[in-house]
Amino acid sequence: MGSIREKYNTGRTVFSCEVFPPKKDQPIEPTMDRIKEFKDIVPDFLSVTYGAGGSNAGHAVEIASFIKRDVGVEVLSHITSVGFSKAKLDDGLKSFSENGIENVLALRGDRPKTMTDEEFDSRDFIHASDMAEYIQKNYPGFTIAGACYPDKHFEAPDYYEDILNLKKKVDNGCSFLISQLFFDNDKFFFMREVMKKTNIKAPVSAGIMPITSAKMLGTTVTLSGTSVPKSLSDIIAKHGENDEDMKKAGIEYAINQIRDLLSHGVDGIHLYVMNKPEIARTIFEAVR
């Protein structure tokens, strides 16, 4: 337990998964039951999402605390700069600390639909790097993670500007990174080489999302801006109309992707499995 950053110093691949809390008006118990099933998969940590503007904030701390206390797995809690003022961040970090949560993932986050232009323009933290700097300076007991983008952040004017922004994020306190999901490993390897040339030394977990339905791919690409290689497009074309075949093919694609990453010495594998421990179990058993 403790700082997740230390897990990257062991010389072995760090394995982790992302889970999400229910919305404020939904019961928490079914999600807890699902998350309990991750325990026997033995991930190095679980990350807990935080909705834009706190759409599931009412349960985020509760779920994170439950993971660490009752599931016995280290936890990484998401925080979004678009959703936190300094005062709100202070309160949130105090709550995290009181619940034994020591690791946070600093993200910019999406603008909430209810946020006015005035609120958006006057926010305390414009970028995730600004929030990371504030946490590092005022709350040194927390370990801070950041996000990186093999396909480039969709708002960055070019790839190298994106890498410079990433360097600022690391310089401002992010001690390890988790990548946005991607389907083309060459994009990840290229990003890693550019990071090396730019003297960004933080370890990186590769973000992998198993595509288990044709609809899921369309939603994923729309939200993340991730490119889709022909090999994955061909799988969708072949199996997209058969749910069971598509699920098997999507998981196999993720397994092959991870095996290739492991052969190239990736620091970590982070699975975006949408609260589905059975998929994480299948993949981890295949690649560990």
C-alpha atoms as a PDB file:
ATOM      1  CA  MET A   1       0.000   0.000   0.000  1.00  0.00           C
ATOM      2  CA  GLY A   2       1.062   3.641  -0.199  1.00  0.00           C
ATOM      3  CA  SER A   3       2.543   5.417  -3.192  1.00  0.00           C
ATOM      4  CA  ILE A   4       1.705   3.728  -6.484  1.00  0.00           C
ATOM      5  CA  ARG A   5       4.834   5.296  -7.987  1.00  0.00           C
ATOM      6  CA  GLU A   6       6.960   2.855  -5.977  1.00  0.00           C
ATOM      7  CA  LYS A   7       5.353  -0.092  -7.769  1.00  0.00           C
ATOM      8  CA  TYR A   8       7.089   0.991 -10.968  1.00  0.00           C
ATOM      9  CA  ASN A   9      10.487   0.607  -9.264  1.00  0.00           C
ATOM     10  CA  THR A  10      10.179  -3.158  -8.756  1.00  0.00           C
ATOM     11  CA  GLY A  11      11.404  -4.137 -12.221  1.00  0.00           C
ATOM     12  CA  ARG A  12       8.157  -5.895 -13.139  1.00  0.00           C
ATOM     13  CA  THR A  13       5.169  -4.778 -15.186  1.00  0.00           C
ATOM     14  CA  VAL A  14       2.497  -2.915 -13.209  1.00  0.00           C
ATOM     15  CA  PHE A  15      -1.033  -4.200 -13.924  1.00  0.00           C
ATOM     16  CA  SER A  16      -4.076  -2.045 -13.153  1.00  0.00           C
ATOM     17  CA  CYS A  17      -7.731  -1.516 -14.074  1.00  0.00           C
ATOM     18  CA  GLU A  18     -10.150   1.390 -14.165  1.00  0.00           C
ATOM     19  CA  VAL A  19     -13.553   1.301 -12.483  1.00  0.00           C
ATOM     20  CA  PHE A  20     -16.286   3.904 -12.112  1.00  0.00           C
ATOM     21  CA  PRO A  21     -18.766   4.739  -9.335  1.00  0.00           C
ATOM     22  CA  PRO A  22     -22.515   4.841  -9.864  1.00  0.00           C
ATOM     23  CA  LYS A  23     -24.139   8.245 -10.301  1.00  0.00           C
ATOM     24  CA  LYS A  24     -25.296  10.110  -7.219  1.00  0.00           C
ATOM     25  CA  ASP A  25     -28.910   8.965  -7.501  1.00  0.00           C
ATOM     26  CA  GLN A  26     -28.056   5.280  -8.012  1.00  0.00           C
ATOM     27  CA  PRO A  27     -27.447   2.641  -5.309  1.00  0.00           C
ATOM     28  CA  ILE A  28     -23.811   1.900  -4.560  1.00  0.00           C
ATOM     29  CA  GLU A  29     -24.054  -1.742  -3.475  1.00  0.00           C
ATOM     30  CA  PRO A  30     -24.184  -3.377  -6.957  1.00  0.00           C
ATOM     31  CA  THR A  31     -21.008  -1.522  -7.957  1.00  0.00           C
ATOM     32  CA  MET A  32     -19.282  -2.595  -4.749  1.00  0.00           C
ATOM     33  CA  ASP A  33     -20.195  -6.217  -5.442  1.00  0.00           C
ATOM     34  CA  ARG A  34     -18.680  -5.997  -8.917  1.00  0.00           C
ATOM     35  CA  ILE A  35     -15.519  -4.322  -7.670  1.00  0.00           C
ATOM     36  CA  LYS A  36     -15.017  -7.023  -5.014  1.00  0.00           C
ATOM     37  CA  GLU A  37     -14.474  -9.461  -7.871  1.00  0.00           C
ATOM     38  CA  PHE A  38     -11.288  -7.632  -8.869  1.00  0.00           C
ATOM     39  CA  LYS A  39      -9.575  -8.750  -5.668  1.00  0.00           C
ATOM     40  CA  ASP A  40      -8.621 -12.246  -6.847  1.00  0.00           C
ATOM     41  CA  ILE A  41      -7.256 -10.783 -10.098  1.00  0.00           C
ATOM     42  CA  VAL A  42      -4.635  -9.080  -7.881  1.00  0.00           C
ATOM     43  CA  PRO A  43      -4.185  -5.773  -9.737  1.00  0.00           C
ATOM     44  CA  ASP A  44      -1.441  -3.462  -8.499  1.00  0.00           C
ATOM     45  CA  PHE A  45      -4.058  -0.732  -8.231  1.00  0.00           C
ATOM     46  CA  LEU A  46      -7.553   0.275  -9.321  1.00  0.00           C
ATOM     47  CA  SER A  47      -8.284   3.770 -10.588  1.00  0.00           C
ATOM     48  CA  VAL A  48     -11.658   5.368  -9.848  1.00  0.00           C
ATOM     49  CA  THR A  49     -13.137   7.851 -12.306  1.00  0.00           C
ATOM     50  CA  TYR A  50     -14.666  11.188 -11.345  1.00  0.00           C
ATOM     51  CA  GLY A  51     -17.428  12.510 -13.587  1.00  0.00           C
ATOM     52  CA  ALA A  52     -17.235  15.901 -15.259  1.00  0.00           C
ATOM     53  CA  GLY A  53     -18.090  18.483 -12.634  1.00  0.00           C
ATOM     54  CA  GLY A  54     -18.589  15.685 -10.141  1.00  0.00           C
ATOM     55  CA  SER A  55     -21.511  13.825 -11.748  1.00  0.00           C
ATOM     56  CA  ASN A  56     -20.655  10.817  -9.602  1.00  0.00           C
ATOM     57  CA  ALA A  57     -18.681  12.667  -6.940  1.00  0.00           C
ATOM     58  CA  GLY A  58     -21.087  11.591  -4.226  1.00  0.00           C
ATOM     59  CA  HIS A  59     -19.850   8.019  -4.564  1.00  0.00           C
ATOM     60  CA  ALA A  60     -16.289   8.486  -5.876  1.00  0.00           C
ATOM     61  CA  VAL A  61     -14.625   8.854  -2.465  1.00  0.00           C
ATOM     62  CA  GLU A  62     -16.824   6.141  -1.015  1.00  0.00           C
ATOM     63  CA  ILE A  63     -15.877   3.668  -3.747  1.00  0.00           C
ATOM     64  CA  ALA A  64     -12.169   4.574  -3.535  1.00  0.00           C
ATOM     65  CA  SER A  65     -12.182   4.117   0.236  1.00  0.00           C
ATOM     66  CA  PHE A  66     -14.032   0.807  -0.125  1.00  0.00           C
ATOM     67  CA  ILE A  67     -11.407  -0.474  -2.591  1.00  0.00           C
ATOM     68  CA  LYS A  68      -8.525   0.278  -0.284  1.00  0.00           C
ATOM     69  CA  ARG A  69     -10.189  -0.688   3.001  1.00  0.00           C
ATOM     70  CA  ASP A  70     -12.364  -3.673   2.088  1.00  0.00           C
ATOM     71  CA  VAL A  71     -10.974  -4.984  -1.194  1.00  0.00           C
ATOM     72  CA  GLY A  72      -7.375  -4.517  -0.048  1.00  0.00           C
ATOM     73  CA  VAL A  73      -6.113  -3.001  -3.311  1.00  0.00           C
ATOM     74  CA  GLU A  74      -4.302   0.326  -3.684  1.00  0.00           C
ATOM     75  CA  VAL A  75      -6.431   3.019  -5.283  1.00  0.00           C
ATOM     76  CA  LEU A  76      -5.908   5.978  -7.629  1.00  0.00           C
ATOM     77  CA  SER A  77      -8.648   8.625  -7.480  1.00  0.00           C
ATOM     78  CA  HIS A  78      -9.342  10.859 -10.487  1.00  0.00           C
ATOM     79  CA  ILE A  79      -9.690  14.611 -10.013  1.00  0.00           C
ATOM     80  CA  THR A  80     -10.546  17.062 -12.787  1.00  0.00           C
ATOM     81  CA  SER A  81      -9.248  20.602 -12.975  1.00  0.00           C
ATOM     82  CA  VAL A  82     -12.389  21.767 -14.780  1.00  0.00           C
ATOM     83  CA  GLY A  83     -14.493  20.543 -11.867  1.00  0.00           C
ATOM     84  CA  PHE A  84     -12.439  21.826  -8.919  1.00  0.00           C
ATOM     85  CA  SER A  85     -11.878  25.309  -7.561  1.00  0.00           C
ATOM     86  CA  LYS A  86      -8.977  25.647  -5.119  1.00  0.00           C
ATOM     87  CA  ALA A  87     -11.424  25.566  -2.209  1.00  0.00           C
ATOM     88  CA  LYS A  88     -13.196  22.498  -3.561  1.00  0.00           C
ATOM     89  CA  LEU A  89      -9.885  20.773  -4.262  1.00  0.00           C
ATOM     90  CA  ASP A  90      -8.715  21.517  -0.706  1.00  0.00           C
ATOM     91  CA  ASP A  91     -11.889  19.917   0.645  1.00  0.00           C
ATOM     92  CA  GLY A  92     -11.562  16.953  -1.711  1.00  0.00           C
ATOM     93  CA  LEU A  93      -7.944  16.251  -0.821  1.00  0.00           C
ATOM     94  CA  LYS A  94      -8.777  16.494   2.876  1.00  0.00           C
ATOM     95  CA  SER A  95     -11.543  13.931   2.357  1.00  0.00           C
ATOM     96  CA  PHE A  96      -9.173  11.668   0.420  1.00  0.00           C
ATOM     97  CA  SER A  97      -6.583  11.897   3.178  1.00  0.00           C
ATOM     98  CA  GLU A  98      -9.133  11.118   5.882  1.00  0.00           C
ATOM     99  CA  ASN A  99     -10.112   8.007   3.943  1.00  0.00           C
ATOM    100  CA  GLY A 100      -6.549   6.787   3.423  1.00  0.00           C
ATOM    101  CA  ILE A 101      -6.417   7.724  -0.253  1.00  0.00           C
ATOM    102  CA  GLU A 102      -2.872   8.808  -1.159  1.00  0.00           C
ATOM    103  CA  ASN A 103      -2.786   8.698  -4.979  1.00  0.00           C
ATOM    104  CA  VAL A 104      -4.594  11.008  -7.407  1.00  0.00           C
ATOM    105  CA  LEU A 105      -4.809  11.215 -11.201  1.00  0.00           C
ATOM    106  CA  ALA A 106      -4.851  14.875 -12.256  1.00  0.00           C
ATOM    107  CA  LEU A 107      -6.953  15.396 -15.387  1.00  0.00           C
ATOM    108  CA  ARG A 108      -8.319  18.446 -17.181  1.00  0.00           C
ATOM    109  CA  GLY A 109     -11.695  16.767 -17.670  1.00  0.00           C
ATOM    110  CA  ASP A 110     -14.652  17.685 -19.849  1.00  0.00           C
ATOM    111  CA  ARG A 111     -16.644  20.826 -19.290  1.00  0.00           C
ATOM    112  CA  PRO A 112     -19.929  19.980 -17.513  1.00  0.00           C
ATOM    113  CA  LYS A 113     -23.053  20.852 -19.476  1.00  0.00           C
ATOM    114  CA  THR A 114     -24.310  22.895 -16.530  1.00  0.00           C
ATOM    115  CA  MET A 115     -21.158  25.051 -16.272  1.00  0.00           C
ATOM    116  CA  THR A 116     -21.706  28.631 -17.437  1.00  0.00           C
ATOM    117  CA  ASP A 117     -19.218  30.498 -19.626  1.00  0.00           C
ATOM    118  CA  GLU A 118     -18.387  32.734 -16.668  1.00  0.00           C
ATOM    119  CA  GLU A 119     -17.626  29.745 -14.448  1.00  0.00           C
ATOM    120  CA  PHE A 120     -15.570  28.091 -17.168  1.00  0.00           C
ATOM    121  CA  ASP A 121     -13.513  31.209 -17.928  1.00  0.00           C
ATOM    122  CA  SER A 122     -12.827  31.988 -14.258  1.00  0.00           C
ATOM    123  CA  ARG A 123     -11.823  28.506 -13.080  1.00  0.00           C
ATOM    124  CA  ASP A 124      -8.761  28.283 -10.849  1.00  0.00           C
ATOM    125  CA  PHE A 125      -6.984  25.536 -12.817  1.00  0.00           C
ATOM    126  CA  ILE A 126      -6.929  25.903 -16.598  1.00  0.00           C
ATOM    127  CA  HIS A 127      -4.883  22.762 -17.209  1.00  0.00           C
ATOM    128  CA  ALA A 128      -4.209  19.531 -15.319  1.00  0.00           C
ATOM    129  CA  SER A 129      -0.593  20.671 -14.978  1.00  0.00           C
ATOM    130  CA  ASP A 130      -1.773  23.722 -12.996  1.00  0.00           C
ATOM    131  CA  MET A 131      -3.634  21.505 -10.563  1.00  0.00           C
ATOM    132  CA  ALA A 132      -0.699  19.090 -10.285  1.00  0.00           C
ATOM    133  CA  GLU A 133       1.590  21.997  -9.397  1.00  0.00           C
ATOM    134  CA  TYR A 134      -0.842  23.162  -6.694  1.00  0.00           C
ATOM    135  CA  ILE A 135      -1.107  19.681  -5.172  1.00  0.00           C
ATOM    136  CA  GLN A 136       2.647  19.102  -5.244  1.00  0.00           C
ATOM    137  CA  LYS A 137       3.281  22.416  -3.495  1.00  0.00           C
ATOM    138  CA  ASN A 138       0.506  22.289  -0.912  1.00  0.00           C
ATOM    139  CA  TYR A 139      -0.104  18.558  -0.382  1.00  0.00           C
ATOM    140  CA  PRO A 140       3.273  16.789  -0.742  1.00  0.00           C
ATOM    141  CA  GLY A 141       1.894  13.628   0.876  1.00  0.00           C
ATOM    142  CA  PHE A 142      -0.021  12.766  -2.299  1.00  0.00           C
ATOM    143  CA  THR A 143       1.408  10.891  -5.257  1.00  0.00           C
ATOM    144  CA  ILE A 144       0.203  12.486  -8.503  1.00  0.00           C
ATOM    145  CA  ALA A 145      -0.345  10.711 -11.813  1.00  0.00           C
ATOM    146  CA  GLY A 146      -1.079  12.279 -15.183  1.00  0.00           C
ATOM    147  CA  ALA A 147      -2.503  11.314 -18.568  1.00  0.00           C
ATOM    148  CA  CYS A 148      -0.677  11.075 -21.901  1.00  0.00           C
ATOM    149  CA  TYR A 149      -1.942  10.648 -25.442  1.00  0.00           C
ATOM    150  CA  PRO A 150      -0.375   8.286 -28.016  1.00  0.00           C
ATOM    151  CA  ASP A 151      -2.743   9.733 -30.638  1.00  0.00           C
ATOM    152  CA  LYS A 152      -2.186  13.329 -29.411  1.00  0.00           C
ATOM    153  CA  HIS A 153      -4.718  15.223 -27.351  1.00  0.00           C
ATOM    154  CA  PHE A 154      -7.424  16.339 -29.772  1.00  0.00           C
ATOM    155  CA  GLU A 155      -7.061  20.001 -28.714  1.00  0.00           C
ATOM    156  CA  ALA A 156      -3.277  20.185 -29.120  1.00  0.00           C
ATOM    157  CA  PRO A 157      -2.238  21.991 -32.341  1.00  0.00           C
ATOM    158  CA  ASP A 158       0.427  19.367 -33.114  1.00  0.00           C
ATOM    159  CA  TYR A 159       2.118  16.329 -31.607  1.00  0.00           C
ATOM    160  CA  TYR A 160       5.205  18.099 -30.299  1.00  0.00           C
ATOM    161  CA  GLU A 161       3.159  20.802 -28.574  1.00  0.00           C
ATOM    162  CA  ASP A 162       1.292  17.983 -26.860  1.00  0.00           C
ATOM    163  CA  ILE A 163       4.577  16.441 -25.690  1.00  0.00           C
ATOM    164  CA  LEU A 164       5.764  19.796 -24.341  1.00  0.00           C
ATOM    165  CA  ASN A 165       2.522  20.058 -22.380  1.00  0.00           C
ATOM    166  CA  LEU A 166       3.171  16.555 -21.062  1.00  0.00           C
ATOM    167  CA  LYS A 167       6.661  17.560 -19.937  1.00  0.00           C
ATOM    168  CA  LYS A 168       5.157  20.499 -18.044  1.00  0.00           C
ATOM    169  CA  LYS A 169       2.725  18.117 -16.375  1.00  0.00           C
ATOM    170  CA  VAL A 170       5.566  15.850 -15.224  1.00  0.00           C
ATOM    171  CA  ASP A 171       7.752  18.790 -14.156  1.00  0.00           C
ATOM    172  CA  ASN A 172       4.810  20.078 -12.100  1.00  0.00           C
ATOM    173  CA  GLY A 173       4.484  16.901 -10.064  1.00  0.00           C
ATOM    174  CA  CYS A 174       3.092  13.950 -12.056  1.00  0.00           C
ATOM    175  CA  SER A 175       5.406  11.075 -11.148  1.00  0.00           C
ATOM    176  CA  PHE A 176       3.831   8.422 -13.384  1.00  0.00           C
ATOM    177  CA  LEU A 177       1.529   8.439 -16.395  1.00  0.00           C
ATOM    178  CA  ILE A 178      -1.412   6.471 -17.775  1.00  0.00           C
ATOM    179  CA  SER A 179      -2.042   6.696 -21.482  1.00  0.00           C
ATOM    180  CA  GLN A 180      -5.324   7.363 -23.212  1.00  0.00           C
ATOM    181  CA  LEU A 181      -6.590   4.170 -24.816  1.00  0.00           C
ATOM    182  CA  PHE A 182      -5.089   3.295 -28.195  1.00  0.00           C
ATOM    183  CA  PHE A 183      -5.283   0.428 -30.668  1.00  0.00           C
ATOM    184  CA  ASP A 184      -2.060   0.885 -32.642  1.00  0.00           C
ATOM    185  CA  ASN A 185       1.038   0.030 -30.602  1.00  0.00           C
ATOM    186  CA  ASP A 186       3.306   1.924 -32.996  1.00  0.00           C
ATOM    187  CA  LYS A 187       1.635   5.138 -31.795  1.00  0.00           C
ATOM    188  CA  PHE A 188       2.575   4.264 -28.215  1.00  0.00           C
ATOM    189  CA  PHE A 189       6.158   3.337 -29.106  1.00  0.00           C
ATOM    190  CA  PHE A 190       6.570   6.599 -31.030  1.00  0.00           C
ATOM    191  CA  MET A 191       5.241   8.599 -28.078  1.00  0.00           C
ATOM    192  CA  ARG A 192       7.664   6.822 -25.755  1.00  0.00           C
ATOM    193  CA  GLU A 193      10.623   7.639 -28.022  1.00  0.00           C
ATOM    194  CA  VAL A 194       9.644  11.313 -28.241  1.00  0.00           C
ATOM    195  CA  MET A 195       9.256  11.405 -24.457  1.00  0.00           C
ATOM    196  CA  LYS A 196      12.761  10.014 -24.091  1.00  0.00           C
ATOM    197  CA  LYS A 197      14.193  12.652 -26.431  1.00  0.00           C
ATOM    198  CA  THR A 198      12.314  15.343 -24.488  1.00  0.00           C
ATOM    199  CA  ASN A 199      13.768  14.043 -21.192  1.00  0.00           C
ATOM    200  CA  ILE A 200      10.406  12.939 -19.782  1.00  0.00           C
ATOM    201  CA  LYS A 201      11.390  10.122 -17.438  1.00  0.00           C
ATOM    202  CA  ALA A 202       8.095   9.231 -15.744  1.00  0.00           C
ATOM    203  CA  PRO A 203       7.006   5.589 -16.200  1.00  0.00           C
ATOM    204  CA  VAL A 204       3.968   5.024 -18.422  1.00  0.00           C
ATOM    205  CA  SER A 205       1.176   2.483 -18.205  1.00  0.00           C
ATOM    206  CA  ALA A 206      -0.356   1.692 -21.581  1.00  0.00           C
ATOM    207  CA  GLY A 207      -4.129   2.181 -21.596  1.00  0.00           C
ATOM    208  CA  ILE A 208      -5.910  -0.738 -23.273  1.00  0.00           C
ATOM    209  CA  MET A 209      -9.656  -1.034 -23.868  1.00  0.00           C
ATOM    210  CA  PRO A 210     -10.975  -4.397 -25.114  1.00  0.00           C
ATOM    211  CA  ILE A 211     -13.595  -3.678 -27.783  1.00  0.00           C
ATOM    212  CA  THR A 212     -16.370  -6.194 -27.147  1.00  0.00           C
ATOM    213  CA  SER A 213     -19.053  -4.763 -29.457  1.00  0.00           C
ATOM    214  CA  ALA A 214     -19.163  -2.796 -32.707  1.00  0.00           C
ATOM    215  CA  LYS A 215     -21.185  -0.033 -31.030  1.00  0.00           C
ATOM    216  CA  MET A 216     -18.549   0.282 -28.311  1.00  0.00           C
ATOM    217  CA  LEU A 217     -15.860   1.113 -30.867  1.00  0.00           C
ATOM    218  CA  GLY A 218     -17.899   3.941 -32.389  1.00  0.00           C
ATOM    219  CA  THR A 219     -18.542   5.483 -28.978  1.00  0.00           C
ATOM    220  CA  THR A 220     -14.916   5.085 -27.938  1.00  0.00           C
ATOM    221  CA  VAL A 221     -13.511   6.741 -31.058  1.00  0.00           C
ATOM    222  CA  THR A 222     -15.990   9.628 -30.776  1.00  0.00           C
ATOM    223  CA  LEU A 223     -15.090  10.327 -27.136  1.00  0.00           C
ATOM    224  CA  SER A 224     -11.319   9.770 -27.292  1.00  0.00           C
ATOM    225  CA  GLY A 225     -10.347  10.685 -30.838  1.00  0.00           C
ATOM    226  CA  THR A 226      -8.295   7.483 -31.026  1.00  0.00           C
ATOM    227  CA  SER A 227      -7.425   6.188 -34.486  1.00  0.00           C
ATOM    228  CA  VAL A 228      -8.524   2.708 -35.538  1.00  0.00           C
ATOM    229  CA  PRO A 229      -6.040   0.513 -37.461  1.00  0.00           C
ATOM    230  CA  LYS A 230      -7.247  -1.610 -40.384  1.00  0.00           C
ATOM    231  CA  SER A 231      -6.674  -4.835 -38.450  1.00  0.00           C
ATOM    232  CA  LEU A 232      -9.281  -3.799 -35.870  1.00  0.00           C
ATOM    233  CA  SER A 233     -11.653  -2.439 -38.505  1.00  0.00           C
ATOM    234  CA  ASP A 234     -11.491  -5.822 -40.250  1.00  0.00           C
ATOM    235  CA  ILE A 235     -12.440  -7.573 -36.999  1.00  0.00           C
ATOM    236  CA  ILE A 236     -15.477  -5.314 -36.634  1.00  0.00           C
ATOM    237  CA  ALA A 237     -16.490  -5.967 -40.229  1.00  0.00           C
ATOM    238  CA  LYS A 238     -16.173  -9.727 -39.757  1.00  0.00           C
ATOM    239  CA  HIS A 239     -17.682 -10.188 -36.290  1.00  0.00           C
ATOM    240  CA  GLY A 240     -19.597  -6.982 -35.537  1.00  0.00           C
ATOM    241  CA  GLU A 241     -23.050  -8.500 -36.025  1.00  0.00           C
ATOM    242  CA  ASN A 242     -22.392 -11.521 -33.780  1.00  0.00           C
ATOM    243  CA  ASP A 243     -22.146 -10.393 -30.155  1.00  0.00           C
ATOM    244  CA  GLU A 244     -20.348 -13.444 -28.799  1.00  0.00           C
ATOM    245  CA  ASP A 245     -17.848 -13.686 -31.659  1.00  0.00           C
ATOM    246  CA  MET A 246     -17.182  -9.949 -31.447  1.00  0.00           C
ATOM    247  CA  LYS A 247     -16.520 -10.167 -27.722  1.00  0.00           C
ATOM    248  CA  LYS A 248     -14.046 -13.035 -28.170  1.00  0.00           C
ATOM    249  CA  ALA A 249     -12.297 -11.320 -31.074  1.00  0.00           C
ATOM    250  CA  GLY A 250     -12.087  -7.989 -29.222  1.00  0.00           C
ATOM    251  CA  ILE A 251     -10.551  -9.606 -26.150  1.00  0.00           C
ATOM    252  CA  GLU A 252      -8.081 -11.533 -28.310  1.00  0.00           C
ATOM    253  CA  TYR A 253      -7.071  -8.296 -30.053  1.00  0.00           C
ATOM    254  CA  ALA A 254      -6.375  -6.699 -26.654  1.00  0.00           C
ATOM    255  CA  ILE A 255      -4.377  -9.745 -25.514  1.00  0.00           C
ATOM    256  CA  ASN A 256      -2.207  -9.639 -28.650  1.00  0.00           C
ATOM    257  CA  GLN A 257      -1.750  -5.895 -28.251  1.00  0.00           C
ATOM    258  CA  ILE A 258      -0.598  -6.357 -24.643  1.00  0.00           C
ATOM    259  CA  ARG A 259       1.765  -9.227 -25.477  1.00  0.00           C
ATOM    260  CA  ASP A 260       3.468  -6.995 -28.035  1.00  0.00           C
ATOM    261  CA  LEU A 261       3.726  -4.151 -25.502  1.00  0.00           C
ATOM    262  CA  LEU A 262       5.220  -6.500 -22.906  1.00  0.00           C
ATOM    263  CA  SER A 263       7.813  -7.724 -25.397  1.00  0.00           C
ATOM    264  CA  HIS A 264       8.867  -4.086 -25.798  1.00  0.00           C
ATOM    265  CA  GLY A 265       9.319  -3.560 -22.056  1.00  0.00           C
ATOM    266  CA  VAL A 266       6.246  -1.471 -21.260  1.00  0.00           C
ATOM    267  CA  ASP A 267       6.169  -0.115 -17.688  1.00  0.00           C
ATOM    268  CA  GLY A 268       2.552  -1.023 -17.053  1.00  0.00           C
ATOM    269  CA  ILE A 269      -0.755  -2.167 -18.513  1.00  0.00           C
ATOM    270  CA  HIS A 270      -3.922  -0.286 -17.538  1.00  0.00           C
ATOM    271  CA  LEU A 271      -7.203  -1.903 -18.574  1.00  0.00           C
ATOM    272  CA  TYR A 272     -10.294   0.161 -19.279  1.00  0.00           C
ATOM    273  CA  VAL A 273     -12.772  -2.644 -18.561  1.00  0.00           C
ATOM    274  CA  MET A 274     -15.886  -0.699 -17.501  1.00  0.00           C
ATOM    275  CA  ASN A 275     -16.472  -2.542 -14.171  1.00  0.00           C
ATOM    276  CA  LYS A 276     -16.203  -5.949 -15.838  1.00  0.00           C
ATOM    277  CA  PRO A 277     -13.806  -8.066 -13.749  1.00  0.00           C
ATOM    278  CA  GLU A 278     -14.436 -11.174 -15.847  1.00  0.00           C
ATOM    279  CA  ILE A 279     -12.841  -9.485 -18.876  1.00  0.00           C
ATOM    280  CA  ALA A 280      -9.886  -8.270 -16.835  1.00  0.00           C
ATOM    281  CA  ARG A 281      -9.401 -11.792 -15.452  1.00  0.00           C
ATOM    282  CA  THR A 282      -9.391 -13.368 -18.922  1.00  0.00           C
ATOM    283  CA  ILE A 283      -6.841 -10.856 -20.217  1.00  0.00           C
ATOM    284  CA  PHE A 284      -4.510 -10.889 -17.206  1.00  0.00           C
ATOM    285  CA  GLU A 285      -4.473 -14.693 -17.087  1.00  0.00           C
ATOM    286  CA  ALA A 286      -3.462 -14.715 -20.758  1.00  0.00           C
ATOM    287  CA  VAL A 287      -0.632 -12.187 -20.540  1.00  0.00           C
ATOM    288  CA  ARG A 288       0.917 -12.456 -17.077  1.00  0.00           C
END
